[in-house]
Amino acid sequence: MKVGLRRPDGRDWDGIMHVNPALKEKAFVLVYNPLNEPVEKEISIPLYYTGLTESAVIKEKGVSKGKKYKLNRDYSVTLKISIPADGYNWYVVE
């Protein structure tokens, strides 16, 4: 399943998330920056469709050790993202 994180408008970051609750890696988050300057923001990641209920481990660019997040009541987490100018970044949710 594909989930849009923000409607693309070319004026700020854009993002999508692919979800499969049957896998160890429950979600793959891809964020893109169309601007000519780096973007650092805190965004809400909806994890309802991942099947996770209490916590999630999120790894930036698939590094071996991730950070554990407690899910909010709406099954989301607040993630600080960093995207280079005219570039992208990705995260794996377990």
PDB file of N, CA and C in Angstrom:
ATOM      1  N   MET A   1       0.843  -1.170   0.000  1.00  0.00           N
ATOM      2  CA  MET A   1       0.000   0.000   0.000  1.00  0.00           C
ATOM      3  C   MET A   1       0.893   1.240   0.000  1.00  0.00           C
ATOM      4  N   LYS A   2       0.502   2.244  -0.746  1.00  0.00           N
ATOM      5  CA  LYS A   2       1.241   3.503  -0.808  1.00  0.00           C
ATOM      6  C   LYS A   2       0.431   4.586  -0.105  1.00  0.00           C
ATOM      7  N   VAL A   3       1.106   5.345   0.766  1.00  0.00           N
ATOM      8  CA  VAL A   3       0.474   6.424   1.516  1.00  0.00           C
ATOM      9  C   VAL A   3       1.202   7.722   1.197  1.00  0.00           C
ATOM     10  N   GLY A   4       0.467   8.727   0.768  1.00  0.00           N
ATOM     11  CA  GLY A   4       1.060  10.042   0.531  1.00  0.00           C
ATOM     12  C   GLY A   4       1.224  10.784   1.843  1.00  0.00           C
ATOM     13  N   LEU A   5       2.398  11.320   2.091  1.00  0.00           N
ATOM     14  CA  LEU A   5       2.651  12.038   3.339  1.00  0.00           C
ATOM     15  C   LEU A   5       2.346  13.524   3.224  1.00  0.00           C
ATOM     16  N   ARG A   6       2.455  14.043   2.033  1.00  0.00           N
ATOM     17  CA  ARG A   6       2.176  15.457   1.790  1.00  0.00           C
ATOM     18  C   ARG A   6       1.878  15.624   0.316  1.00  0.00           C
ATOM     19  N   ARG A   7       0.932  16.463   0.017  1.00  0.00           N
ATOM     20  CA  ARG A   7       0.591  16.700  -1.389  1.00  0.00           C
ATOM     21  C   ARG A   7       1.729  17.458  -2.068  1.00  0.00           C
ATOM     22  N   PRO A   8       2.260  16.939  -3.174  1.00  0.00           N
ATOM     23  CA  PRO A   8       3.372  17.613  -3.843  1.00  0.00           C
ATOM     24  C   PRO A   8       2.945  18.943  -4.456  1.00  0.00           C
ATOM     25  N   ASP A   9       3.707  20.000  -4.132  1.00  0.00           N
ATOM     26  CA  ASP A   9       3.403  21.298  -4.720  1.00  0.00           C
ATOM     27  C   ASP A   9       4.659  22.017  -5.224  1.00  0.00           C
ATOM     28  N   GLY A  10       5.835  21.417  -5.031  1.00  0.00           N
ATOM     29  CA  GLY A  10       7.073  22.028  -5.503  1.00  0.00           C
ATOM     30  C   GLY A  10       7.575  23.168  -4.653  1.00  0.00           C
ATOM     31  N   ARG A  11       6.888  23.476  -3.530  1.00  0.00           N
ATOM     32  CA  ARG A  11       7.278  24.596  -2.670  1.00  0.00           C
ATOM     33  C   ARG A  11       7.862  24.160  -1.333  1.00  0.00           C
ATOM     34  N   ASP A  12       7.813  22.861  -1.056  1.00  0.00           N
ATOM     35  CA  ASP A  12       8.338  22.317   0.201  1.00  0.00           C
ATOM     36  C   ASP A  12       8.613  20.836  -0.043  1.00  0.00           C
ATOM     37  N   TRP A  13       8.946  20.116   0.982  1.00  0.00           N
ATOM     38  CA  TRP A  13       9.260  18.692   0.849  1.00  0.00           C
ATOM     39  C   TRP A  13       8.037  17.910   0.369  1.00  0.00           C
ATOM     40  N   ASP A  14       8.291  16.800  -0.278  1.00  0.00           N
ATOM     41  CA  ASP A  14       7.246  15.868  -0.706  1.00  0.00           C
ATOM     42  C   ASP A  14       7.614  14.505  -0.144  1.00  0.00           C
ATOM     43  N   GLY A  15       6.614  13.653   0.098  1.00  0.00           N
ATOM     44  CA  GLY A  15       6.939  12.344   0.641  1.00  0.00           C
ATOM     45  C   GLY A  15       5.877  11.296   0.408  1.00  0.00           C
ATOM     46  N   ILE A  16       6.340  10.042   0.292  1.00  0.00           N
ATOM     47  CA  ILE A  16       5.446   8.894   0.190  1.00  0.00           C
ATOM     48  C   ILE A  16       5.954   7.809   1.127  1.00  0.00           C
ATOM     49  N   MET A  17       5.061   6.898   1.462  1.00  0.00           N
ATOM     50  CA  MET A  17       5.419   5.778   2.320  1.00  0.00           C
ATOM     51  C   MET A  17       4.791   4.517   1.755  1.00  0.00           C
ATOM     52  N   HIS A  18       5.601   3.485   1.591  1.00  0.00           N
ATOM     53  CA  HIS A  18       5.109   2.178   1.182  1.00  0.00           C
ATOM     54  C   HIS A  18       4.985   1.319   2.430  1.00  0.00           C
ATOM     55  N   VAL A  19       3.853   0.628   2.580  1.00  0.00           N
ATOM     56  CA  VAL A  19       3.563  -0.135   3.795  1.00  0.00           C
ATOM     57  C   VAL A  19       3.262  -1.588   3.443  1.00  0.00           C
ATOM     58  N   ASN A  20       3.832  -2.509   4.247  1.00  0.00           N
ATOM     59  CA  ASN A  20       3.492  -3.925   4.163  1.00  0.00           C
ATOM     60  C   ASN A  20       3.612  -4.518   5.564  1.00  0.00           C
ATOM     61  N   PRO A  21       2.487  -4.688   6.275  1.00  0.00           N
ATOM     62  CA  PRO A  21       2.542  -5.176   7.649  1.00  0.00           C
ATOM     63  C   PRO A  21       3.025  -6.618   7.776  1.00  0.00           C
ATOM     64  N   ALA A  22       3.106  -7.367   6.681  1.00  0.00           N
ATOM     65  CA  ALA A  22       3.545  -8.760   6.735  1.00  0.00           C
ATOM     66  C   ALA A  22       5.067  -8.892   6.776  1.00  0.00           C
ATOM     67  N   LEU A  23       5.801  -7.834   6.499  1.00  0.00           N
ATOM     68  CA  LEU A  23       7.263  -7.886   6.466  1.00  0.00           C
ATOM     69  C   LEU A  23       7.878  -7.420   7.779  1.00  0.00           C
ATOM     70  N   LYS A  24       9.162  -7.738   7.988  1.00  0.00           N
ATOM     71  CA  LYS A  24       9.891  -7.224   9.146  1.00  0.00           C
ATOM     72  C   LYS A  24       9.996  -5.701   9.034  1.00  0.00           C
ATOM     73  N   GLU A  25      10.331  -5.225   7.815  1.00  0.00           N
ATOM     74  CA  GLU A  25      10.360  -3.788   7.542  1.00  0.00           C
ATOM     75  C   GLU A  25       8.932  -3.370   7.205  1.00  0.00           C
ATOM     76  N   LYS A  26       8.237  -2.808   8.160  1.00  0.00           N
ATOM     77  CA  LYS A  26       6.804  -2.500   8.009  1.00  0.00           C
ATOM     78  C   LYS A  26       6.533  -1.371   7.023  1.00  0.00           C
ATOM     79  N   ALA A  27       7.484  -0.429   6.904  1.00  0.00           N
ATOM     80  CA  ALA A  27       7.253   0.711   6.015  1.00  0.00           C
ATOM     81  C   ALA A  27       8.573   1.243   5.488  1.00  0.00           C
ATOM     82  N   PHE A  28       8.496   1.848   4.304  1.00  0.00           N
ATOM     83  CA  PHE A  28       9.618   2.535   3.677  1.00  0.00           C
ATOM     84  C   PHE A  28       9.155   3.955   3.385  1.00  0.00           C
ATOM     85  N   VAL A  29       9.835   4.936   3.962  1.00  0.00           N
ATOM     86  CA  VAL A  29       9.459   6.337   3.818  1.00  0.00           C
ATOM     87  C   VAL A  29      10.492   7.025   2.926  1.00  0.00           C
ATOM     88  N   LEU A  30      10.016   7.684   1.871  1.00  0.00           N
ATOM     89  CA  LEU A  30      10.894   8.421   0.970  1.00  0.00           C
ATOM     90  C   LEU A  30      10.454   9.882   0.972  1.00  0.00           C
ATOM     91  N   VAL A  31      11.396  10.782   1.292  1.00  0.00           N
ATOM     92  CA  VAL A  31      11.107  12.215   1.288  1.00  0.00           C
ATOM     93  C   VAL A  31      12.030  12.896   0.279  1.00  0.00           C
ATOM     94  N   TYR A  32      11.492  13.858  -0.440  1.00  0.00           N
ATOM     95  CA  TYR A  32      12.204  14.543  -1.510  1.00  0.00           C
ATOM     96  C   TYR A  32      12.127  16.046  -1.304  1.00  0.00           C
ATOM     97  N   ASN A  33      13.234  16.730  -1.601  1.00  0.00           N
ATOM     98  CA  ASN A  33      13.297  18.177  -1.475  1.00  0.00           C
ATOM     99  C   ASN A  33      13.532  18.802  -2.855  1.00  0.00           C
ATOM    100  N   PRO A  34      12.532  19.478  -3.441  1.00  0.00           N
ATOM    101  CA  PRO A  34      12.714  20.109  -4.748  1.00  0.00           C
ATOM    102  C   PRO A  34      13.361  21.494  -4.676  1.00  0.00           C
ATOM    103  N   LEU A  35      13.648  21.981  -3.473  1.00  0.00           N
ATOM    104  CA  LEU A  35      14.179  23.331  -3.293  1.00  0.00           C
ATOM    105  C   LEU A  35      15.692  23.375  -3.470  1.00  0.00           C
ATOM    106  N   ASN A  36      16.232  24.584  -3.621  1.00  0.00           N
ATOM    107  CA  ASN A  36      17.679  24.781  -3.773  1.00  0.00           C
ATOM    108  C   ASN A  36      18.386  24.960  -2.438  1.00  0.00           C
ATOM    109  N   GLU A  37      17.710  24.687  -1.348  1.00  0.00           N
ATOM    110  CA  GLU A  37      18.301  24.776  -0.007  1.00  0.00           C
ATOM    111  C   GLU A  37      17.875  23.562   0.805  1.00  0.00           C
ATOM    112  N   PRO A  38      18.715  23.119   1.751  1.00  0.00           N
ATOM    113  CA  PRO A  38      18.371  21.948   2.562  1.00  0.00           C
ATOM    114  C   PRO A  38      17.106  22.179   3.405  1.00  0.00           C
ATOM    115  N   VAL A  39      16.420  21.103   3.725  1.00  0.00           N
ATOM    116  CA  VAL A  39      15.207  21.168   4.539  1.00  0.00           C
ATOM    117  C   VAL A  39      15.409  20.312   5.786  1.00  0.00           C
ATOM    118  N   GLU A  40      15.097  20.885   6.951  1.00  0.00           N
ATOM    119  CA  GLU A  40      15.074  20.145   8.210  1.00  0.00           C
ATOM    120  C   GLU A  40      13.755  20.467   8.884  1.00  0.00           C
ATOM    121  N   LYS A  41      12.950  19.433   9.119  1.00  0.00           N
ATOM    122  CA  LYS A  41      11.618  19.623   9.691  1.00  0.00           C
ATOM    123  C   LYS A  41      11.259  18.445  10.576  1.00  0.00           C
ATOM    124  N   GLU A  42      10.254  18.641  11.390  1.00  0.00           N
ATOM    125  CA  GLU A  42       9.623  17.546  12.110  1.00  0.00           C
ATOM    126  C   GLU A  42       8.293  17.275  11.423  1.00  0.00           C
ATOM    127  N   ILE A  43       8.098  16.025  11.013  1.00  0.00           N
ATOM    128  CA  ILE A  43       6.872  15.665  10.314  1.00  0.00           C
ATOM    129  C   ILE A  43       6.191  14.510  11.034  1.00  0.00           C
ATOM    130  N   SER A  44       4.917  14.368  10.808  1.00  0.00           N
ATOM    131  CA  SER A  44       4.144  13.270  11.380  1.00  0.00           C
ATOM    132  C   SER A  44       4.092  12.124  10.376  1.00  0.00           C
ATOM    133  N   ILE A  45       4.465  10.936  10.832  1.00  0.00           N
ATOM    134  CA  ILE A  45       4.429   9.738   9.993  1.00  0.00           C
ATOM    135  C   ILE A  45       3.281   8.854  10.484  1.00  0.00           C
ATOM    136  N   PRO A  46       2.232   8.640   9.670  1.00  0.00           N
ATOM    137  CA  PRO A  46       1.105   7.803  10.085  1.00  0.00           C
ATOM    138  C   PRO A  46       1.459   6.315   9.950  1.00  0.00           C
ATOM    139  N   LEU A  47       1.460   5.597  11.060  1.00  0.00           N
ATOM    140  CA  LEU A  47       1.861   4.191  11.047  1.00  0.00           C
ATOM    141  C   LEU A  47       0.694   3.241  11.295  1.00  0.00           C
ATOM    142  N   TYR A  48      -0.522   3.710  11.138  1.00  0.00           N
ATOM    143  CA  TYR A  48      -1.707   2.892  11.394  1.00  0.00           C
ATOM    144  C   TYR A  48      -1.713   1.617  10.556  1.00  0.00           C
ATOM    145  N   TYR A  49      -1.402   1.725   9.278  1.00  0.00           N
ATOM    146  CA  TYR A  49      -1.482   0.576   8.368  1.00  0.00           C
ATOM    147  C   TYR A  49      -0.297  -0.385   8.473  1.00  0.00           C
ATOM    148  N   THR A  50       0.688  -0.071   9.317  1.00  0.00           N
ATOM    149  CA  THR A  50       1.843  -0.955   9.483  1.00  0.00           C
ATOM    150  C   THR A  50       1.541  -2.124  10.405  1.00  0.00           C
ATOM    151  N   GLY A  51       0.492  -2.006  11.213  1.00  0.00           N
ATOM    152  CA  GLY A  51       0.182  -3.041  12.196  1.00  0.00           C
ATOM    153  C   GLY A  51       0.891  -2.823  13.517  1.00  0.00           C
ATOM    154  N   LEU A  52       1.768  -1.819  13.588  1.00  0.00           N
ATOM    155  CA  LEU A  52       2.445  -1.513  14.854  1.00  0.00           C
ATOM    156  C   LEU A  52       1.467  -0.824  15.791  1.00  0.00           C
ATOM    157  N   THR A  53       1.554  -1.151  17.089  1.00  0.00           N
ATOM    158  CA  THR A  53       0.584  -0.591  18.026  1.00  0.00           C
ATOM    159  C   THR A  53       1.198   0.209  19.169  1.00  0.00           C
ATOM    160  N   GLU A  54       2.448  -0.073  19.526  1.00  0.00           N
ATOM    161  CA  GLU A  54       3.035   0.621  20.676  1.00  0.00           C
ATOM    162  C   GLU A  54       4.304   1.391  20.346  1.00  0.00           C
ATOM    163  N   SER A  55       5.199   0.785  19.566  1.00  0.00           N
ATOM    164  CA  SER A  55       6.468   1.447  19.261  1.00  0.00           C
ATOM    165  C   SER A  55       6.949   1.035  17.875  1.00  0.00           C
ATOM    166  N   ALA A  56       7.903   1.821  17.380  1.00  0.00           N
ATOM    167  CA  ALA A  56       8.511   1.552  16.075  1.00  0.00           C
ATOM    168  C   ALA A  56       9.985   1.923  16.143  1.00  0.00           C
ATOM    169  N   VAL A  57      10.800   1.182  15.411  1.00  0.00           N
ATOM    170  CA  VAL A  57      12.210   1.527  15.265  1.00  0.00           C
ATOM    171  C   VAL A  57      12.378   2.080  13.851  1.00  0.00           C
ATOM    172  N   ILE A  58      12.919   3.294  13.766  1.00  0.00           N
ATOM    173  CA  ILE A  58      13.084   3.951  12.471  1.00  0.00           C
ATOM    174  C   ILE A  58      14.565   4.135  12.204  1.00  0.00           C
ATOM    175  N   LYS A  59      14.988   3.669  11.017  1.00  0.00           N
ATOM    176  CA  LYS A  59      16.390   3.728  10.615  1.00  0.00           C
ATOM    177  C   LYS A  59      16.541   4.647   9.413  1.00  0.00           C
ATOM    178  N   GLU A  60      17.377   5.665   9.548  1.00  0.00           N
ATOM    179  CA  GLU A  60      17.647   6.561   8.428  1.00  0.00           C
ATOM    180  C   GLU A  60      18.620   5.898   7.468  1.00  0.00           C
ATOM    181  N   LYS A  61      18.288   5.856   6.197  1.00  0.00           N
ATOM    182  CA  LYS A  61      19.095   5.249   5.140  1.00  0.00           C
ATOM    183  C   LYS A  61      19.504   3.813   5.475  1.00  0.00           C
ATOM    184  N   GLY A  62      18.668   3.102   6.214  1.00  0.00           N
ATOM    185  CA  GLY A  62      18.889   1.688   6.487  1.00  0.00           C
ATOM    186  C   GLY A  62      20.072   1.371   7.376  1.00  0.00           C
ATOM    187  N   VAL A  63      20.549   2.330   8.168  1.00  0.00           N
ATOM    188  CA  VAL A  63      21.675   2.047   9.070  1.00  0.00           C
ATOM    189  C   VAL A  63      21.313   0.905  10.006  1.00  0.00           C
ATOM    190  N   SER A  64      22.310   0.208  10.526  1.00  0.00           N
ATOM    191  CA  SER A  64      22.051  -0.997  11.309  1.00  0.00           C
ATOM    192  C   SER A  64      21.334  -0.718  12.629  1.00  0.00           C
ATOM    193  N   LYS A  65      21.562   0.440  13.242  1.00  0.00           N
ATOM    194  CA  LYS A  65      20.904   0.755  14.505  1.00  0.00           C
ATOM    195  C   LYS A  65      19.983   1.955  14.306  1.00  0.00           C
ATOM    196  N   GLY A  66      18.742   1.791  14.684  1.00  0.00           N
ATOM    197  CA  GLY A  66      17.772   2.865  14.514  1.00  0.00           C
ATOM    198  C   GLY A  66      17.390   3.477  15.849  1.00  0.00           C
ATOM    199  N   LYS A  67      16.429   4.375  15.816  1.00  0.00           N
ATOM    200  CA  LYS A  67      15.920   5.031  17.015  1.00  0.00           C
ATOM    201  C   LYS A  67      14.512   4.520  17.286  1.00  0.00           C
ATOM    202  N   LYS A  68      14.232   4.215  18.550  1.00  0.00           N
ATOM    203  CA  LYS A  68      12.917   3.703  18.928  1.00  0.00           C
ATOM    204  C   LYS A  68      11.989   4.876  19.246  1.00  0.00           C
ATOM    205  N   TYR A  69      10.786   4.815  18.689  1.00  0.00           N
ATOM    206  CA  TYR A  69       9.764   5.843  18.896  1.00  0.00           C
ATOM    207  C   TYR A  69       8.527   5.211  19.502  1.00  0.00           C
ATOM    208  N   LYS A  70       7.914   5.907  20.445  1.00  0.00           N
ATOM    209  CA  LYS A  70       6.633   5.467  20.998  1.00  0.00           C
ATOM    210  C   LYS A  70       5.539   6.049  20.110  1.00  0.00           C
ATOM    211  N   LEU A  71       4.575   5.208  19.713  1.00  0.00           N
ATOM    212  CA  LEU A  71       3.492   5.680  18.858  1.00  0.00           C
ATOM    213  C   LEU A  71       2.515   6.556  19.648  1.00  0.00           C
ATOM    214  N   ASN A  72       2.027   7.606  18.991  1.00  0.00           N
ATOM    215  CA  ASN A  72       0.994   8.459  19.578  1.00  0.00           C
ATOM    216  C   ASN A  72      -0.336   7.712  19.571  1.00  0.00           C
ATOM    217  N   ARG A  73      -1.337   8.284  20.174  1.00  0.00           N
ATOM    218  CA  ARG A  73      -2.653   7.631  20.245  1.00  0.00           C
ATOM    219  C   ARG A  73      -3.271   7.400  18.874  1.00  0.00           C
ATOM    220  N   ASP A  74      -2.873   8.211  17.881  1.00  0.00           N
ATOM    221  CA  ASP A  74      -3.400   8.039  16.519  1.00  0.00           C
ATOM    222  C   ASP A  74      -2.477   7.170  15.656  1.00  0.00           C
ATOM    223  N   TYR A  75      -1.587   6.408  16.291  1.00  0.00           N
ATOM    224  CA  TYR A  75      -0.646   5.498  15.615  1.00  0.00           C
ATOM    225  C   TYR A  75       0.305   6.239  14.677  1.00  0.00           C
ATOM    226  N   SER A  76       0.765   7.402  15.102  1.00  0.00           N
ATOM    227  CA  SER A  76       1.731   8.165  14.328  1.00  0.00           C
ATOM    228  C   SER A  76       2.961   8.436  15.186  1.00  0.00           C
ATOM    229  N   VAL A  77       4.048   8.849  14.547  1.00  0.00           N
ATOM    230  CA  VAL A  77       5.239   9.303  15.257  1.00  0.00           C
ATOM    231  C   VAL A  77       5.670  10.623  14.635  1.00  0.00           C
ATOM    232  N   THR A  78       6.356  11.433  15.426  1.00  0.00           N
ATOM    233  CA  THR A  78       6.931  12.669  14.918  1.00  0.00           C
ATOM    234  C   THR A  78       8.394  12.392  14.621  1.00  0.00           C
ATOM    235  N   LEU A  79       8.779  12.587  13.368  1.00  0.00           N
ATOM    236  CA  LEU A  79      10.118  12.259  12.897  1.00  0.00           C
ATOM    237  C   LEU A  79      10.810  13.522  12.412  1.00  0.00           C
ATOM    238  N   LYS A  80      12.038  13.742  12.897  1.00  0.00           N
ATOM    239  CA  LYS A  80      12.823  14.873  12.404  1.00  0.00           C
ATOM    240  C   LYS A  80      13.533  14.406  11.138  1.00  0.00           C
ATOM    241  N   ILE A  81      13.253  15.104  10.026  1.00  0.00           N
ATOM    242  CA  ILE A  81      13.852  14.734   8.743  1.00  0.00           C
ATOM    243  C   ILE A  81      14.868  15.783   8.316  1.00  0.00           C
ATOM    244  N   SER A  82      15.834  15.344   7.558  1.00  0.00           N
ATOM    245  CA  SER A  82      16.845  16.222   6.991  1.00  0.00           C
ATOM    246  C   SER A  82      17.023  15.809   5.532  1.00  0.00           C
ATOM    247  N   ILE A  83      16.805  16.754   4.616  1.00  0.00           N
ATOM    248  CA  ILE A  83      16.878  16.466   3.186  1.00  0.00           C
ATOM    249  C   ILE A  83      17.807  17.491   2.535  1.00  0.00           C
ATOM    250  N   PRO A  84      18.824  17.017   1.802  1.00  0.00           N
ATOM    251  CA  PRO A  84      19.704  17.976   1.131  1.00  0.00           C
ATOM    252  C   PRO A  84      18.977  18.735   0.014  1.00  0.00           C
ATOM    253  N   ALA A  85      19.565  19.850  -0.390  1.00  0.00           N
ATOM    254  CA  ALA A  85      18.989  20.648  -1.481  1.00  0.00           C
ATOM    255  C   ALA A  85      18.864  19.806  -2.739  1.00  0.00           C
ATOM    256  N   ASP A  86      17.690  19.877  -3.365  1.00  0.00           N
ATOM    257  CA  ASP A  86      17.400  19.137  -4.593  1.00  0.00           C
ATOM    258  C   ASP A  86      17.780  17.656  -4.473  1.00  0.00           C
ATOM    259  N   GLY A  87      17.456  17.083  -3.309  1.00  0.00           N
ATOM    260  CA  GLY A  87      17.826  15.693  -3.054  1.00  0.00           C
ATOM    261  C   GLY A  87      16.722  14.942  -2.341  1.00  0.00           C
ATOM    262  N   TYR A  88      17.078  13.793  -1.800  1.00  0.00           N
ATOM    263  CA  TYR A  88      16.107  12.943  -1.123  1.00  0.00           C
ATOM    264  C   TYR A  88      16.754  12.255   0.064  1.00  0.00           C
ATOM    265  N   ASN A  89      15.932  11.661   0.906  1.00  0.00           N
ATOM    266  CA  ASN A  89      16.367  10.858   2.044  1.00  0.00           C
ATOM    267  C   ASN A  89      15.327   9.770   2.235  1.00  0.00           C
ATOM    268  N   TRP A  90      15.712   8.691   2.894  1.00  0.00           N
ATOM    269  CA  TRP A  90      14.754   7.594   3.111  1.00  0.00           C
ATOM    270  C   TRP A  90      14.943   6.973   4.486  1.00  0.00           C
ATOM    271  N   TYR A  91      13.846   6.352   4.955  1.00  0.00           N
ATOM    272  CA  TYR A  91      13.800   5.774   6.289  1.00  0.00           C
ATOM    273  C   TYR A  91      13.079   4.426   6.217  1.00  0.00           C
ATOM    274  N   VAL A  92      13.521   3.495   7.048  1.00  0.00           N
ATOM    275  CA  VAL A  92      12.889   2.175   7.143  1.00  0.00           C
ATOM    276  C   VAL A  92      12.258   2.075   8.535  1.00  0.00           C
ATOM    277  N   VAL A  93      11.018   1.604   8.579  1.00  0.00           N
ATOM    278  CA  VAL A  93      10.289   1.460   9.844  1.00  0.00           C
ATOM    279  C   VAL A  93      10.144  -0.022  10.150  1.00  0.00           C
ATOM    280  N   GLU A  94      10.589  -0.413  11.334  1.00  0.00           N
ATOM    281  CA  GLU A  94      10.456  -1.807  11.790  1.00  0.00           C
ATOM    282  C   GLU A  94       9.616  -1.856  13.043  1.00  0.00           C
TER     283      GLU A  94
END
